[in-house]
N, C-alpha and C. Protein backbone atom coordinates (compact mmCIF):
# COMPACT_ATOMS: atom_id res chain seq x y z
N UNK A 1 0.79 -1.15 -0.08
CA UNK A 1 0.06 -0.14 -0.12
C UNK A 1 0.94 1.42 -0.06
N UNK A 2 0.55 2.26 -0.80
CA UNK A 2 1.41 3.41 -0.80
C UNK A 2 0.13 4.62 -0.55
N UNK A 3 0.65 5.38 0.34
CA UNK A 3 -0.12 6.51 0.96
C UNK A 3 0.84 7.91 1.13
N UNK A 4 0.14 9.01 0.64
CA UNK A 4 0.62 10.11 0.62
C UNK A 4 0.13 11.24 1.87
N UNK A 5 0.84 11.88 2.59
CA UNK A 5 0.34 13.18 3.04
C UNK A 5 -0.70 12.45 4.34
N UNK A 6 -1.86 13.38 4.40
CA UNK A 6 -3.19 12.74 5.28
C UNK A 6 -3.38 11.57 4.93
N UNK A 7 -3.23 11.00 3.75
CA UNK A 7 -3.72 9.52 3.64
C UNK A 7 -3.15 8.79 4.64
N UNK A 8 -2.02 8.95 4.93
CA UNK A 8 -0.99 8.05 5.93
C UNK A 8 -1.92 7.74 7.46
N UNK A 9 -2.28 9.01 8.01
CA UNK A 9 -3.07 8.59 9.21
C UNK A 9 -4.71 7.81 8.68
N UNK A 10 -5.12 8.16 7.83
CA UNK A 10 -6.07 7.68 7.21
C UNK A 10 -6.20 6.13 7.12
N UNK A 11 -5.21 5.73 6.06
CA UNK A 11 -4.64 4.40 5.81
C UNK A 11 -4.40 3.63 7.21
N UNK A 12 -3.61 4.18 8.24
CA UNK A 12 -3.56 3.29 9.02
C UNK A 12 -4.81 3.29 10.43
N UNK A 13 -5.69 4.39 10.01
CA UNK A 13 -7.04 3.76 10.96
C UNK A 13 -7.57 2.66 10.19
N UNK A 14 -7.66 2.76 9.11
CA UNK A 14 -8.42 1.52 8.33
C UNK A 14 -7.82 0.64 8.61
N UNK A 15 -6.48 0.23 8.67
CA UNK A 15 -5.90 -0.79 8.83
C UNK A 15 -5.68 -1.47 10.41
N UNK A 16 -6.01 -0.61 11.53
CA UNK A 16 -6.43 -0.79 12.70
C UNK A 16 -7.77 -1.24 13.17
N UNK A 17 -8.71 -0.96 12.10
CA UNK A 17 -10.04 -1.16 12.44
C UNK A 17 -10.39 -2.46 11.66
N UNK A 18 -9.67 -3.19 10.99
CA UNK A 18 -9.65 -4.47 10.39
C UNK A 18 -9.67 -5.44 11.42
N UNK A 19 -10.24 -6.66 11.20
CA UNK A 19 -10.36 -7.66 12.44
C UNK A 19 -9.11 -8.45 12.50
N UNK A 20 -8.41 -8.82 13.71
CA UNK A 20 -7.33 -9.43 13.74
C UNK A 20 -7.59 -10.87 13.45
N UNK A 21 -6.53 -11.79 13.12
CA UNK A 21 -5.01 -11.33 12.51
C UNK A 21 -5.34 -10.58 11.28
N UNK A 22 -4.64 -9.60 10.91
CA UNK A 22 -4.63 -8.84 9.80
C UNK A 22 -3.13 -8.63 9.58
N UNK A 23 -2.76 -8.96 8.25
CA UNK A 23 -1.49 -8.74 8.03
C UNK A 23 -1.27 -7.91 6.61
N UNK A 24 -0.43 -7.19 6.55
CA UNK A 24 -0.19 -6.18 5.21
C UNK A 24 1.19 -6.65 4.81
N UNK A 25 1.57 -6.94 3.68
CA UNK A 25 2.71 -7.11 3.02
C UNK A 25 3.83 -5.94 3.06
N UNK A 26 3.04 -4.77 2.89
CA UNK A 26 3.94 -3.47 2.69
C UNK A 26 3.30 -2.27 3.05
N UNK A 27 3.86 -1.31 3.38
CA UNK A 27 3.35 0.05 3.44
C UNK A 27 4.29 1.31 3.25
N UNK A 28 4.19 1.80 2.41
CA UNK A 28 4.91 3.15 1.99
C UNK A 28 4.44 4.16 2.27
N UNK A 29 5.08 5.27 3.22
CA UNK A 29 4.32 6.51 3.89
C UNK A 29 5.14 7.72 3.07
N UNK A 30 4.33 8.41 2.54
CA UNK A 30 5.07 9.39 1.68
C UNK A 30 4.90 10.84 2.41
N UNK A 31 5.73 11.36 2.80
CA UNK A 31 5.04 12.76 3.71
C UNK A 31 3.99 12.71 4.68
N UNK A 32 4.06 11.63 5.41
CA UNK A 32 2.62 11.16 6.06
C UNK A 32 3.16 11.93 7.65
N UNK A 33 2.02 11.99 8.10
CA UNK A 33 2.09 12.49 9.55
C UNK A 33 0.77 11.94 10.16
N UNK A 34 1.38 11.91 11.73
CA UNK A 34 0.18 11.58 12.46
C UNK A 34 -0.27 12.21 13.87
N UNK A 35 0.22 13.52 13.73
CA UNK A 35 0.31 14.28 14.98
C UNK A 35 -0.16 15.84 14.38
N UNK A 36 -0.89 16.69 15.31
CA UNK A 36 -1.13 17.79 14.56
C UNK A 36 0.11 18.63 14.29
N UNK A 37 -0.52 19.41 13.28
CA UNK A 37 0.61 20.38 12.63
C UNK A 37 0.36 21.51 12.94
N UNK A 38 1.54 22.67 13.25
CA UNK A 38 1.12 24.08 13.67
C UNK A 38 0.82 24.56 12.30
N UNK A 39 1.25 24.28 11.07
CA UNK A 39 0.90 24.85 9.95
C UNK A 39 -0.42 24.78 9.54
N UNK A 40 -1.30 23.62 10.02
CA UNK A 40 -2.69 23.25 9.61
C UNK A 40 -3.30 23.08 10.64
N UNK A 41 -3.73 24.08 11.51
CA UNK A 41 -4.76 23.86 12.57
C UNK A 41 -6.02 23.31 12.46
N UNK A 42 -6.42 23.37 11.20
CA UNK A 42 -7.86 23.01 10.89
C UNK A 42 -8.05 21.46 10.97
N UNK A 43 -6.72 20.85 10.88
CA UNK A 43 -6.85 19.36 11.05
C UNK A 43 -6.78 18.84 12.31
N UNK A 44 -6.54 19.53 13.30
CA UNK A 44 -6.21 19.22 14.69
C UNK A 44 -7.54 18.18 15.08
N UNK A 45 -8.62 18.60 14.87
CA UNK A 45 -9.81 17.60 15.23
C UNK A 45 -9.55 16.17 14.65
N UNK A 46 -9.30 16.20 13.45
CA UNK A 46 -9.06 14.90 12.56
C UNK A 46 -7.86 14.06 13.46
N UNK A 47 -6.87 14.79 13.54
CA UNK A 47 -5.55 14.04 13.96
C UNK A 47 -5.66 13.85 15.50
N UNK A 48 -6.54 14.62 16.27
CA UNK A 48 -6.46 14.38 17.70
C UNK A 48 -6.80 12.68 17.89
N UNK A 49 -7.82 11.95 17.24
CA UNK A 49 -7.99 10.79 17.54
C UNK A 49 -7.00 9.63 17.69
N UNK A 50 -5.94 10.21 16.77
CA UNK A 50 -4.64 9.36 16.60
C UNK A 50 -4.86 7.92 16.24
N UNK A 51 -3.65 7.16 16.50
CA UNK A 51 -3.88 5.91 15.76
C UNK A 51 -2.58 5.12 16.66
N UNK A 52 -2.72 3.83 16.82
CA UNK A 52 -1.93 3.13 17.77
C UNK A 52 -0.86 2.53 16.81
N UNK A 53 0.16 3.38 16.33
CA UNK A 53 1.23 3.14 15.19
C UNK A 53 1.89 1.68 15.86
N UNK A 54 2.34 1.75 16.99
CA UNK A 54 3.29 0.60 17.27
C UNK A 54 2.56 -0.77 17.25
N UNK A 55 1.41 -0.68 17.36
CA UNK A 55 0.48 -2.22 17.44
C UNK A 55 0.22 -2.36 15.88
N UNK A 56 0.06 -1.48 15.21
CA UNK A 56 0.06 -1.91 13.80
C UNK A 56 1.20 -2.02 12.90
N UNK A 57 2.76 -1.75 13.41
CA UNK A 57 3.90 -2.07 13.11
C UNK A 57 3.90 -3.60 12.95
N UNK A 58 3.40 -4.38 13.98
CA UNK A 58 3.67 -5.83 14.10
C UNK A 58 2.70 -6.40 13.12
N UNK A 59 2.02 -5.62 12.48
CA UNK A 59 0.91 -6.24 11.34
C UNK A 59 1.19 -5.87 9.97
N UNK A 60 2.55 -5.20 10.02
CA UNK A 60 2.74 -4.79 8.67
C UNK A 60 4.29 -5.39 8.35
N UNK A 61 4.41 -6.09 7.33
CA UNK A 61 5.79 -6.84 7.22
C UNK A 61 6.81 -5.87 6.96
N UNK A 62 6.59 -5.20 5.85
CA UNK A 62 7.76 -4.34 5.40
C UNK A 62 7.18 -2.67 5.41
N UNK A 63 7.90 -1.97 6.11
CA UNK A 63 7.30 -0.41 6.14
C UNK A 63 8.75 0.55 5.90
N UNK A 64 8.09 1.39 5.03
CA UNK A 64 8.98 2.54 4.73
C UNK A 64 8.47 3.83 4.65
N UNK A 65 9.30 4.90 5.09
CA UNK A 65 8.65 6.20 5.19
C UNK A 65 9.53 7.02 4.33
N UNK A 66 9.08 8.11 3.56
CA UNK A 66 9.83 9.20 3.04
C UNK A 66 9.31 10.16 3.54
N UNK A 67 10.45 10.91 3.96
CA UNK A 67 9.83 12.64 4.52
C UNK A 67 10.82 13.22 4.35
N UNK A 68 10.53 14.42 4.55
CA UNK A 68 11.48 15.97 4.40
C UNK A 68 11.79 16.45 5.53
N UNK A 69 12.93 16.64 5.97
CA UNK A 69 13.35 17.40 7.22
C UNK A 69 13.28 18.92 6.86
N UNK A 70 12.89 19.44 5.92
CA UNK A 70 12.90 20.96 5.71
C UNK A 70 11.69 21.37 5.07
N UNK A 71 10.69 20.36 5.06
CA UNK A 71 9.34 20.70 4.17
C UNK A 71 8.46 21.99 5.06
N UNK A 72 7.84 22.89 4.30
CA UNK A 72 7.42 24.20 5.04
C UNK A 72 6.13 23.72 5.70
N UNK A 73 5.53 22.46 5.64
CA UNK A 73 4.47 22.42 6.52
C UNK A 73 4.36 21.54 7.70
N UNK A 74 5.20 20.06 7.15
CA UNK A 74 5.34 19.32 8.23
C UNK A 74 6.62 18.65 8.49
N UNK A 75 7.09 19.08 9.87
CA UNK A 75 8.22 18.91 10.34
C UNK A 75 8.57 17.41 10.39
N UNK A 76 9.79 16.74 10.47
CA UNK A 76 10.16 15.59 10.44
C UNK A 76 9.72 14.77 11.48
N UNK A 77 9.54 15.60 12.78
CA UNK A 77 9.22 14.67 14.01
C UNK A 77 7.77 14.55 13.99
N UNK A 78 7.03 15.08 13.10
CA UNK A 78 5.81 14.96 13.14
C UNK A 78 5.38 13.67 12.24
N UNK A 79 6.03 12.94 11.60
CA UNK A 79 5.84 11.96 10.31
C UNK A 79 5.82 10.58 11.35
N UNK A 80 4.84 10.18 10.58
CA UNK A 80 4.55 8.59 11.19
C UNK A 80 5.52 7.63 10.24
């Protein structure tokens, strides 16, 4: 599965809602984030529900994240 930006937390929530045991062969996150961003406060309500990334990691065989440490909106420490 390949997701970008706000699609990251959306895809993670969908995966979290699937019945166990659920295994995904691979997930690629491009500029994804799972925490509120100072530059986009209008997303705070959507992002505040969060997702248990640690639990999901065990259900995803291969995980890759592409991020930018100097992006204008999303700081590197907010990327999932």
